[in-house]
């Protein structure tokens, strides 16, 4: 869900890349930068043209950018990123923080009010940047990523290793890239030589495009493992794609549990659907679409 971006000063992101970010995450864009010891937040852009017109004059600055896909909360300016912890510290978020958010406000807003603002009120802005505090928050947010920027231009990325740097720009996932189409065929069957189910090439099925960092929904109960070691990914569960193997027609999935996310390898592509392809958004009632 969404993409969070940390762009270093004097590094540029092409208009094409920004447009791809927006088209992949079209539920509101925003950005933030520090200048003259003040934070400036600009958000609530619901067309790419509107966003790019406002962003263009600031493209050489150090900037945090965010493009949203709605999970909790309505599609409106209030639920767009970035958010302020206080007047001198702001942040953006990519992922889902379990246990936070409802149909009125996003999980990010709820987590900010319930956790981040209380931490900063007690320990100060830089207290949030201390390694023990970062480790604590990373344990709570699971596979989510948080990027903070203060009014002096100091930044900190929580779960930085779960995203990647590219030419002075940090991206929380790969939705800024042009996805490579993955065509799959067949149905699922047990491979007795493996602990996973594999996809057998029988009946042709529609092709799909999946990319690392994309969130997908499981379209059926999927049993992972054998015997006492079996775990089930439930129909309607939203999971994040860590990578796709086009040769084996499988992918690696990461769950959104906030304490100990589970990683499932060699899962057939055919048991998940992308956000755009999903027939309904009512699988998981914790998401108020």
C-alpha atoms as a PDB file:
ATOM      1  CA  UNK A   1       0.000   0.000   0.000  1.00  0.00           C
ATOM      2  CA  UNK A   2       1.413   3.390  -1.026  1.00  0.00           C
ATOM      3  CA  UNK A   3       4.993   4.368  -1.736  1.00  0.00           C
ATOM      4  CA  UNK A   4       7.172   6.508   0.528  1.00  0.00           C
ATOM      5  CA  UNK A   5      10.178   8.289  -0.956  1.00  0.00           C
ATOM      6  CA  UNK A   6      13.151  10.078   0.593  1.00  0.00           C
ATOM      7  CA  UNK A   7      14.908  12.230  -2.051  1.00  0.00           C
ATOM      8  CA  UNK A   8      18.300  13.709  -1.265  1.00  0.00           C
ATOM      9  CA  UNK A   9      19.153  17.302  -2.109  1.00  0.00           C
ATOM     10  CA  UNK A  10      20.128  17.946  -5.759  1.00  0.00           C
ATOM     11  CA  UNK A  11      18.922  14.503  -6.802  1.00  0.00           C
ATOM     12  CA  UNK A  12      16.061  14.432  -9.285  1.00  0.00           C
ATOM     13  CA  UNK A  13      13.240  11.995  -9.920  1.00  0.00           C
ATOM     14  CA  UNK A  14      11.997  12.003 -13.497  1.00  0.00           C
ATOM     15  CA  UNK A  15       8.476  13.126 -14.287  1.00  0.00           C
ATOM     16  CA  UNK A  16       7.798   9.687 -15.779  1.00  0.00           C
ATOM     17  CA  UNK A  17       8.805   7.961 -12.546  1.00  0.00           C
ATOM     18  CA  UNK A  18       6.695  10.300 -10.439  1.00  0.00           C
ATOM     19  CA  UNK A  19       3.709   9.741 -12.707  1.00  0.00           C
ATOM     20  CA  UNK A  20       4.157   5.982 -12.384  1.00  0.00           C
ATOM     21  CA  UNK A  21       4.173   6.383  -8.589  1.00  0.00           C
ATOM     22  CA  UNK A  22       0.952   8.382  -8.775  1.00  0.00           C
ATOM     23  CA  UNK A  23      -0.794   5.994 -11.153  1.00  0.00           C
ATOM     24  CA  UNK A  24       0.144   3.019  -8.971  1.00  0.00           C
ATOM     25  CA  UNK A  25      -1.002   4.844  -5.831  1.00  0.00           C
ATOM     26  CA  UNK A  26      -3.762   7.259  -6.923  1.00  0.00           C
ATOM     27  CA  UNK A  27      -5.574   8.100  -3.673  1.00  0.00           C
ATOM     28  CA  UNK A  28      -3.728  11.302  -2.851  1.00  0.00           C
ATOM     29  CA  UNK A  29      -0.180  12.637  -3.075  1.00  0.00           C
ATOM     30  CA  UNK A  30       1.908  14.930  -0.924  1.00  0.00           C
ATOM     31  CA  UNK A  31       5.435  16.047  -0.102  1.00  0.00           C
ATOM     32  CA  UNK A  32       7.404  17.818   2.614  1.00  0.00           C
ATOM     33  CA  UNK A  33      10.699  19.694   2.907  1.00  0.00           C
ATOM     34  CA  UNK A  34      12.689  21.697   5.453  1.00  0.00           C
ATOM     35  CA  UNK A  35      13.826  25.257   4.761  1.00  0.00           C
ATOM     36  CA  UNK A  36      14.842  28.138   7.046  1.00  0.00           C
ATOM     37  CA  UNK A  37      14.342  25.896  10.095  1.00  0.00           C
ATOM     38  CA  UNK A  38      10.718  25.299   9.200  1.00  0.00           C
ATOM     39  CA  UNK A  39       8.841  22.329   7.779  1.00  0.00           C
ATOM     40  CA  UNK A  40       6.576  22.844   4.792  1.00  0.00           C
ATOM     41  CA  UNK A  41       3.912  20.230   4.097  1.00  0.00           C
ATOM     42  CA  UNK A  42       2.007  20.204   0.820  1.00  0.00           C
ATOM     43  CA  UNK A  43      -0.572  17.470   0.289  1.00  0.00           C
ATOM     44  CA  UNK A  44      -4.028  16.562  -0.925  1.00  0.00           C
ATOM     45  CA  UNK A  45      -3.285  16.336  -4.650  1.00  0.00           C
ATOM     46  CA  UNK A  46      -5.758  14.105  -6.477  1.00  0.00           C
ATOM     47  CA  UNK A  47      -4.493  14.593 -10.020  1.00  0.00           C
ATOM     48  CA  UNK A  48      -0.917  14.145 -11.172  1.00  0.00           C
ATOM     49  CA  UNK A  49      -0.999  17.479 -13.005  1.00  0.00           C
ATOM     50  CA  UNK A  50      -1.900  19.295  -9.810  1.00  0.00           C
ATOM     51  CA  UNK A  51       0.774  17.466  -7.824  1.00  0.00           C
ATOM     52  CA  UNK A  52       3.560  17.991 -10.348  1.00  0.00           C
ATOM     53  CA  UNK A  53       2.824  21.704 -10.734  1.00  0.00           C
ATOM     54  CA  UNK A  54       3.318  22.173  -6.978  1.00  0.00           C
ATOM     55  CA  UNK A  55       6.305  19.832  -6.701  1.00  0.00           C
ATOM     56  CA  UNK A  56       8.349  21.054  -9.685  1.00  0.00           C
ATOM     57  CA  UNK A  57       9.720  24.257  -8.034  1.00  0.00           C
ATOM     58  CA  UNK A  58      11.095  22.146  -5.150  1.00  0.00           C
ATOM     59  CA  UNK A  59      12.561  19.231  -7.102  1.00  0.00           C
ATOM     60  CA  UNK A  60      16.188  20.060  -6.194  1.00  0.00           C
ATOM     61  CA  UNK A  61      15.517  20.151  -2.458  1.00  0.00           C
ATOM     62  CA  UNK A  62      15.704  17.336   0.035  1.00  0.00           C
ATOM     63  CA  UNK A  63      12.098  16.124  -0.077  1.00  0.00           C
ATOM     64  CA  UNK A  64       9.906  13.394   1.370  1.00  0.00           C
ATOM     65  CA  UNK A  65       7.214  12.303  -1.094  1.00  0.00           C
ATOM     66  CA  UNK A  66       4.235  10.038  -0.638  1.00  0.00           C
ATOM     67  CA  UNK A  67       1.633   8.522  -2.957  1.00  0.00           C
ATOM     68  CA  UNK A  68      -1.299   6.834  -1.232  1.00  0.00           C
ATOM     69  CA  UNK A  69      -3.531   3.843  -1.756  1.00  0.00           C
ATOM     70  CA  UNK A  70      -6.441   3.869   0.664  1.00  0.00           C
ATOM     71  CA  UNK A  71      -6.754   1.201   3.347  1.00  0.00           C
ATOM     72  CA  UNK A  72      -8.239   2.720   6.497  1.00  0.00           C
ATOM     73  CA  UNK A  73      -9.944   6.090   6.380  1.00  0.00           C
ATOM     74  CA  UNK A  74     -11.579   7.939   3.471  1.00  0.00           C
ATOM     75  CA  UNK A  75      -9.900   9.380   0.408  1.00  0.00           C
ATOM     76  CA  UNK A  76      -9.430  13.004   1.413  1.00  0.00           C
ATOM     77  CA  UNK A  77      -6.727  15.570   2.147  1.00  0.00           C
ATOM     78  CA  UNK A  78      -6.744  14.830   5.875  1.00  0.00           C
ATOM     79  CA  UNK A  79      -5.666  11.222   5.293  1.00  0.00           C
ATOM     80  CA  UNK A  80      -2.952  12.126   2.786  1.00  0.00           C
ATOM     81  CA  UNK A  81       0.687  12.071   3.862  1.00  0.00           C
ATOM     82  CA  UNK A  82       2.922  13.644   5.150  1.00  0.00           C
ATOM     83  CA  UNK A  83       1.805  14.066   8.753  1.00  0.00           C
ATOM     84  CA  UNK A  84       3.233  16.272  11.491  1.00  0.00           C
ATOM     85  CA  UNK A  85       4.206  14.785  14.834  1.00  0.00           C
ATOM     86  CA  UNK A  86       4.663  18.385  15.941  1.00  0.00           C
ATOM     87  CA  UNK A  87       5.552  21.641  14.196  1.00  0.00           C
ATOM     88  CA  UNK A  88       9.199  20.626  13.857  1.00  0.00           C
ATOM     89  CA  UNK A  89       8.888  16.945  12.895  1.00  0.00           C
ATOM     90  CA  UNK A  90       6.932  15.191  10.165  1.00  0.00           C
ATOM     91  CA  UNK A  91       6.808  11.748   8.565  1.00  0.00           C
ATOM     92  CA  UNK A  92       5.437   9.495   5.844  1.00  0.00           C
ATOM     93  CA  UNK A  93       4.450   5.825   6.078  1.00  0.00           C
ATOM     94  CA  UNK A  94       4.260   2.831   3.754  1.00  0.00           C
ATOM     95  CA  UNK A  95       2.492  -0.325   4.891  1.00  0.00           C
ATOM     96  CA  UNK A  96      -0.243  -1.268   7.332  1.00  0.00           C
ATOM     97  CA  UNK A  97       0.160  -0.992  11.103  1.00  0.00           C
ATOM     98  CA  UNK A  98      -2.116  -3.650  12.550  1.00  0.00           C
ATOM     99  CA  UNK A  99      -4.479  -2.586  15.316  1.00  0.00           C
ATOM    100  CA  UNK A 100      -4.662   1.064  14.263  1.00  0.00           C
ATOM    101  CA  UNK A 101      -7.100   2.992  12.081  1.00  0.00           C
ATOM    102  CA  UNK A 102     -10.801   2.763  11.273  1.00  0.00           C
ATOM    103  CA  UNK A 103     -13.254   4.006   8.658  1.00  0.00           C
ATOM    104  CA  UNK A 104     -12.732   7.627   9.742  1.00  0.00           C
ATOM    105  CA  UNK A 105      -8.958   7.859  10.006  1.00  0.00           C
ATOM    106  CA  UNK A 106      -5.999   5.948   8.629  1.00  0.00           C
ATOM    107  CA  UNK A 107      -3.804   3.632  10.657  1.00  0.00           C
ATOM    108  CA  UNK A 108      -1.014   6.199  10.183  1.00  0.00           C
ATOM    109  CA  UNK A 109      -2.984   9.016  11.819  1.00  0.00           C
ATOM    110  CA  UNK A 110      -4.037   6.734  14.661  1.00  0.00           C
ATOM    111  CA  UNK A 111      -0.460   5.512  15.241  1.00  0.00           C
ATOM    112  CA  UNK A 112       0.807   9.091  15.219  1.00  0.00           C
ATOM    113  CA  UNK A 113      -1.703  10.208  17.842  1.00  0.00           C
ATOM    114  CA  UNK A 114      -1.475   7.082  19.986  1.00  0.00           C
ATOM    115  CA  UNK A 115       2.275   6.429  19.882  1.00  0.00           C
ATOM    116  CA  UNK A 116       4.541   8.897  18.081  1.00  0.00           C
ATOM    117  CA  UNK A 117       3.228  12.143  19.567  1.00  0.00           C
ATOM    118  CA  UNK A 118       3.396  10.701  23.069  1.00  0.00           C
ATOM    119  CA  UNK A 119       6.994   9.523  22.581  1.00  0.00           C
ATOM    120  CA  UNK A 120       8.106  12.909  21.258  1.00  0.00           C
ATOM    121  CA  UNK A 121       6.269  14.795  24.006  1.00  0.00           C
ATOM    122  CA  UNK A 122       8.296  12.843  26.585  1.00  0.00           C
ATOM    123  CA  UNK A 123      11.662  12.349  24.861  1.00  0.00           C
ATOM    124  CA  UNK A 124      11.836  15.157  22.296  1.00  0.00           C
ATOM    125  CA  UNK A 125      12.204  14.982  18.518  1.00  0.00           C
ATOM    126  CA  UNK A 126      15.737  13.579  18.528  1.00  0.00           C
ATOM    127  CA  UNK A 127      14.694  10.973  21.086  1.00  0.00           C
ATOM    128  CA  UNK A 128      12.694   9.386  18.286  1.00  0.00           C
ATOM    129  CA  UNK A 129      15.910   9.056  16.272  1.00  0.00           C
ATOM    130  CA  UNK A 130      17.865   7.212  18.984  1.00  0.00           C
ATOM    131  CA  UNK A 131      18.762   3.648  18.007  1.00  0.00           C
ATOM    132  CA  UNK A 132      16.958   1.933  20.947  1.00  0.00           C
ATOM    133  CA  UNK A 133      13.768   3.874  20.172  1.00  0.00           C
ATOM    134  CA  UNK A 134      14.066   3.098  16.462  1.00  0.00           C
ATOM    135  CA  UNK A 135      14.484  -0.601  17.236  1.00  0.00           C
ATOM    136  CA  UNK A 136      11.454  -0.535  19.522  1.00  0.00           C
ATOM    137  CA  UNK A 137       9.238   1.133  16.921  1.00  0.00           C
ATOM    138  CA  UNK A 138      10.477  -1.174  14.162  1.00  0.00           C
ATOM    139  CA  UNK A 139       9.418  -4.147  16.293  1.00  0.00           C
ATOM    140  CA  UNK A 140       5.941  -2.645  16.575  1.00  0.00           C
ATOM    141  CA  UNK A 141       5.389  -1.664  12.937  1.00  0.00           C
ATOM    142  CA  UNK A 142       6.562  -4.993  11.465  1.00  0.00           C
ATOM    143  CA  UNK A 143       7.133  -4.703   7.715  1.00  0.00           C
ATOM    144  CA  UNK A 144       5.952  -1.082   7.519  1.00  0.00           C
ATOM    145  CA  UNK A 145       8.385   1.736   6.777  1.00  0.00           C
ATOM    146  CA  UNK A 146       8.392   5.186   8.383  1.00  0.00           C
ATOM    147  CA  UNK A 147      10.457   8.140   7.147  1.00  0.00           C
ATOM    148  CA  UNK A 148      10.924  11.145   9.433  1.00  0.00           C
ATOM    149  CA  UNK A 149      12.210  14.639   8.633  1.00  0.00           C
ATOM    150  CA  UNK A 150      12.742  17.470  11.111  1.00  0.00           C
ATOM    151  CA  UNK A 151      12.879  21.212  10.498  1.00  0.00           C
ATOM    152  CA  UNK A 152      16.693  21.152  10.372  1.00  0.00           C
ATOM    153  CA  UNK A 153      16.768  18.585   7.555  1.00  0.00           C
ATOM    154  CA  UNK A 154      17.681  15.607   9.748  1.00  0.00           C
ATOM    155  CA  UNK A 155      15.976  12.418   8.646  1.00  0.00           C
ATOM    156  CA  UNK A 156      15.601   8.835   9.835  1.00  0.00           C
ATOM    157  CA  UNK A 157      14.162   5.857   7.983  1.00  0.00           C
ATOM    158  CA  UNK A 158      12.691   3.065  10.089  1.00  0.00           C
ATOM    159  CA  UNK A 159      13.000  -0.333   8.404  1.00  0.00           C
ATOM    160  CA  UNK A 160      15.300   1.272   5.855  1.00  0.00           C
ATOM    161  CA  UNK A 161      16.571  -2.152   4.763  1.00  0.00           C
ATOM    162  CA  UNK A 162      13.057  -3.128   3.644  1.00  0.00           C
ATOM    163  CA  UNK A 163      13.259  -0.476   0.918  1.00  0.00           C
ATOM    164  CA  UNK A 164      16.223   0.474  -1.239  1.00  0.00           C
ATOM    165  CA  UNK A 165      18.336   3.394  -2.470  1.00  0.00           C
ATOM    166  CA  UNK A 166      18.633   4.255  -6.147  1.00  0.00           C
ATOM    167  CA  UNK A 167      20.858   7.181  -7.184  1.00  0.00           C
ATOM    168  CA  UNK A 168      20.375   9.172  -3.998  1.00  0.00           C
ATOM    169  CA  UNK A 169      16.682   8.368  -3.649  1.00  0.00           C
ATOM    170  CA  UNK A 170      15.217   5.867  -1.162  1.00  0.00           C
ATOM    171  CA  UNK A 171      12.042   4.056  -2.234  1.00  0.00           C
ATOM    172  CA  UNK A 172       9.933   1.978   0.151  1.00  0.00           C
ATOM    173  CA  UNK A 173       8.983  -0.463  -2.622  1.00  0.00           C
ATOM    174  CA  UNK A 174       9.223  -0.987  -6.375  1.00  0.00           C
ATOM    175  CA  UNK A 175       5.937   0.579  -7.473  1.00  0.00           C
ATOM    176  CA  UNK A 176       7.938   3.419  -9.042  1.00  0.00           C
ATOM    177  CA  UNK A 177       9.300   0.926 -11.577  1.00  0.00           C
ATOM    178  CA  UNK A 178       7.568  -0.280 -14.701  1.00  0.00           C
ATOM    179  CA  UNK A 179       6.385  -3.777 -13.720  1.00  0.00           C
ATOM    180  CA  UNK A 180       7.407  -6.733 -15.834  1.00  0.00           C
ATOM    181  CA  UNK A 181       4.371  -8.808 -16.881  1.00  0.00           C
ATOM    182  CA  UNK A 182       4.213 -12.283 -15.369  1.00  0.00           C
ATOM    183  CA  UNK A 183       2.106 -14.841 -17.208  1.00  0.00           C
ATOM    184  CA  UNK A 184       0.995 -17.903 -15.292  1.00  0.00           C
ATOM    185  CA  UNK A 185      -1.092 -20.972 -16.073  1.00  0.00           C
ATOM    186  CA  UNK A 186      -2.489 -23.895 -14.173  1.00  0.00           C
ATOM    187  CA  UNK A 187      -3.863 -24.798 -10.760  1.00  0.00           C
ATOM    188  CA  UNK A 188      -2.356 -25.625  -7.392  1.00  0.00           C
ATOM    189  CA  UNK A 189      -1.379 -29.142  -6.354  1.00  0.00           C
ATOM    190  CA  UNK A 190       0.804 -30.640  -3.659  1.00  0.00           C
ATOM    191  CA  UNK A 191       4.398 -31.311  -4.565  1.00  0.00           C
ATOM    192  CA  UNK A 192       5.320 -34.206  -2.276  1.00  0.00           C
ATOM    193  CA  UNK A 193       9.006 -33.423  -2.745  1.00  0.00           C
ATOM    194  CA  UNK A 194       8.568 -29.936  -1.315  1.00  0.00           C
ATOM    195  CA  UNK A 195       6.848 -28.285   1.625  1.00  0.00           C
ATOM    196  CA  UNK A 196       4.997 -25.900  -0.684  1.00  0.00           C
ATOM    197  CA  UNK A 197       2.255 -26.213  -3.236  1.00  0.00           C
ATOM    198  CA  UNK A 198       3.364 -25.584  -6.777  1.00  0.00           C
ATOM    199  CA  UNK A 199       1.591 -24.386  -9.897  1.00  0.00           C
ATOM    200  CA  UNK A 200       1.110 -26.989 -12.616  1.00  0.00           C
ATOM    201  CA  UNK A 201       0.791 -25.799 -16.238  1.00  0.00           C
ATOM    202  CA  UNK A 202      -2.625 -27.079 -17.274  1.00  0.00           C
ATOM    203  CA  UNK A 203      -5.433 -24.709 -18.195  1.00  0.00           C
ATOM    204  CA  UNK A 204      -4.479 -21.268 -19.442  1.00  0.00           C
ATOM    205  CA  UNK A 205      -5.250 -18.399 -17.143  1.00  0.00           C
ATOM    206  CA  UNK A 206      -5.265 -14.640 -17.596  1.00  0.00           C
ATOM    207  CA  UNK A 207      -1.850 -13.020 -17.370  1.00  0.00           C
ATOM    208  CA  UNK A 208      -1.138 -10.508 -14.604  1.00  0.00           C
ATOM    209  CA  UNK A 209       1.493  -7.967 -13.668  1.00  0.00           C
ATOM    210  CA  UNK A 210       2.888  -8.144 -10.163  1.00  0.00           C
ATOM    211  CA  UNK A 211       5.786  -6.178  -8.757  1.00  0.00           C
ATOM    212  CA  UNK A 212       7.925  -6.294  -5.644  1.00  0.00           C
ATOM    213  CA  UNK A 213       6.448  -4.039  -2.980  1.00  0.00           C
ATOM    214  CA  UNK A 214       2.879  -4.393  -4.266  1.00  0.00           C
ATOM    215  CA  UNK A 215       0.119  -5.432  -1.869  1.00  0.00           C
ATOM    216  CA  UNK A 216      -2.125  -8.233  -3.069  1.00  0.00           C
ATOM    217  CA  UNK A 217      -5.140 -10.114  -1.745  1.00  0.00           C
ATOM    218  CA  UNK A 218      -5.292 -13.897  -1.337  1.00  0.00           C
ATOM    219  CA  UNK A 219      -8.235 -15.234  -3.358  1.00  0.00           C
ATOM    220  CA  UNK A 220      -8.539 -18.561  -1.541  1.00  0.00           C
ATOM    221  CA  UNK A 221      -7.358 -20.287   1.627  1.00  0.00           C
ATOM    222  CA  UNK A 222      -3.799 -21.362   0.851  1.00  0.00           C
ATOM    223  CA  UNK A 223      -2.136 -24.072   2.947  1.00  0.00           C
ATOM    224  CA  UNK A 224       1.594 -23.519   3.302  1.00  0.00           C
ATOM    225  CA  UNK A 225       3.645 -26.479   4.498  1.00  0.00           C
ATOM    226  CA  UNK A 226       2.742 -30.048   5.412  1.00  0.00           C
ATOM    227  CA  UNK A 227       1.371 -31.734   8.526  1.00  0.00           C
ATOM    228  CA  UNK A 228       2.044 -30.068  11.867  1.00  0.00           C
ATOM    229  CA  UNK A 229       4.034 -27.348  10.108  1.00  0.00           C
ATOM    230  CA  UNK A 230       1.098 -26.244   7.969  1.00  0.00           C
ATOM    231  CA  UNK A 231       0.094 -22.577   8.106  1.00  0.00           C
ATOM    232  CA  UNK A 232      -2.851 -21.113   6.226  1.00  0.00           C
ATOM    233  CA  UNK A 233      -3.009 -17.791   4.446  1.00  0.00           C
ATOM    234  CA  UNK A 234      -6.703 -16.967   4.628  1.00  0.00           C
ATOM    235  CA  UNK A 235      -8.852 -15.833   1.742  1.00  0.00           C
ATOM    236  CA  UNK A 236      -9.034 -12.064   1.934  1.00  0.00           C
ATOM    237  CA  UNK A 237      -5.668 -11.599   3.660  1.00  0.00           C
ATOM    238  CA  UNK A 238      -3.651  -8.704   2.286  1.00  0.00           C
ATOM    239  CA  UNK A 239       0.046  -9.494   1.936  1.00  0.00           C
ATOM    240  CA  UNK A 240       3.022  -7.698   0.415  1.00  0.00           C
ATOM    241  CA  UNK A 241       5.039  -9.145  -2.442  1.00  0.00           C
ATOM    242  CA  UNK A 242       8.735  -9.273  -1.615  1.00  0.00           C
ATOM    243  CA  UNK A 243       9.783 -10.675  -4.974  1.00  0.00           C
ATOM    244  CA  UNK A 244       8.426 -12.526  -8.034  1.00  0.00           C
ATOM    245  CA  UNK A 245      10.046 -15.473  -9.798  1.00  0.00           C
ATOM    246  CA  UNK A 246       8.701 -15.416 -13.344  1.00  0.00           C
ATOM    247  CA  UNK A 247      10.305 -18.749 -14.231  1.00  0.00           C
ATOM    248  CA  UNK A 248       8.636 -20.772 -11.482  1.00  0.00           C
ATOM    249  CA  UNK A 249       5.486 -18.594 -11.500  1.00  0.00           C
ATOM    250  CA  UNK A 250       5.823 -18.106  -7.753  1.00  0.00           C
ATOM    251  CA  UNK A 251       6.339 -15.213  -5.377  1.00  0.00           C
ATOM    252  CA  UNK A 252       7.536 -14.488  -1.853  1.00  0.00           C
ATOM    253  CA  UNK A 253       4.873 -12.940   0.395  1.00  0.00           C
ATOM    254  CA  UNK A 254       5.196 -11.013   3.652  1.00  0.00           C
ATOM    255  CA  UNK A 255       2.293 -10.657   6.069  1.00  0.00           C
ATOM    256  CA  UNK A 256       1.446  -7.409   7.829  1.00  0.00           C
ATOM    257  CA  UNK A 257       1.635  -8.630  11.435  1.00  0.00           C
ATOM    258  CA  UNK A 258       3.142  -5.764  13.369  1.00  0.00           C
ATOM    259  CA  UNK A 259       5.333  -7.771  15.780  1.00  0.00           C
ATOM    260  CA  UNK A 260       6.600 -10.738  13.783  1.00  0.00           C
ATOM    261  CA  UNK A 261       5.748 -10.631  10.086  1.00  0.00           C
ATOM    262  CA  UNK A 262       5.729 -14.063   8.423  1.00  0.00           C
ATOM    263  CA  UNK A 263       7.496 -14.689   5.130  1.00  0.00           C
ATOM    264  CA  UNK A 264       6.055 -17.278   2.724  1.00  0.00           C
ATOM    265  CA  UNK A 265       8.281 -18.404  -0.145  1.00  0.00           C
ATOM    266  CA  UNK A 266       7.408 -20.160  -3.409  1.00  0.00           C
ATOM    267  CA  UNK A 267       3.715 -19.240  -3.274  1.00  0.00           C
ATOM    268  CA  UNK A 268       1.983 -19.687  -6.660  1.00  0.00           C
ATOM    269  CA  UNK A 269       1.099 -16.366  -8.267  1.00  0.00           C
ATOM    270  CA  UNK A 270      -2.332 -17.745  -9.107  1.00  0.00           C
ATOM    271  CA  UNK A 271      -3.544 -17.599  -5.475  1.00  0.00           C
ATOM    272  CA  UNK A 272      -3.232 -13.817  -5.227  1.00  0.00           C
ATOM    273  CA  UNK A 273      -4.712 -10.866  -7.081  1.00  0.00           C
ATOM    274  CA  UNK A 274      -3.350  -7.374  -7.418  1.00  0.00           C
ATOM    275  CA  UNK A 275      -5.215  -4.384  -6.049  1.00  0.00           C
ATOM    276  CA  UNK A 276      -6.564  -3.480  -9.475  1.00  0.00           C
ATOM    277  CA  UNK A 277      -7.547  -7.060 -10.373  1.00  0.00           C
ATOM    278  CA  UNK A 278      -9.379  -7.963  -7.176  1.00  0.00           C
ATOM    279  CA  UNK A 279     -13.088  -8.622  -7.808  1.00  0.00           C
ATOM    280  CA  UNK A 280     -14.114  -7.216  -4.438  1.00  0.00           C
ATOM    281  CA  UNK A 281     -12.530  -5.347  -1.575  1.00  0.00           C
ATOM    282  CA  UNK A 282     -14.764  -6.931   1.054  1.00  0.00           C
ATOM    283  CA  UNK A 283     -12.600  -9.983   1.772  1.00  0.00           C
ATOM    284  CA  UNK A 284     -11.075  -8.517   4.906  1.00  0.00           C
ATOM    285  CA  UNK A 285     -13.583  -6.604   6.980  1.00  0.00           C
ATOM    286  CA  UNK A 286     -10.826  -4.746   8.839  1.00  0.00           C
ATOM    287  CA  UNK A 287     -10.376  -2.628   5.710  1.00  0.00           C
ATOM    288  CA  UNK A 288     -13.300  -0.282   5.163  1.00  0.00           C
ATOM    289  CA  UNK A 289     -13.278   0.188   1.413  1.00  0.00           C
END
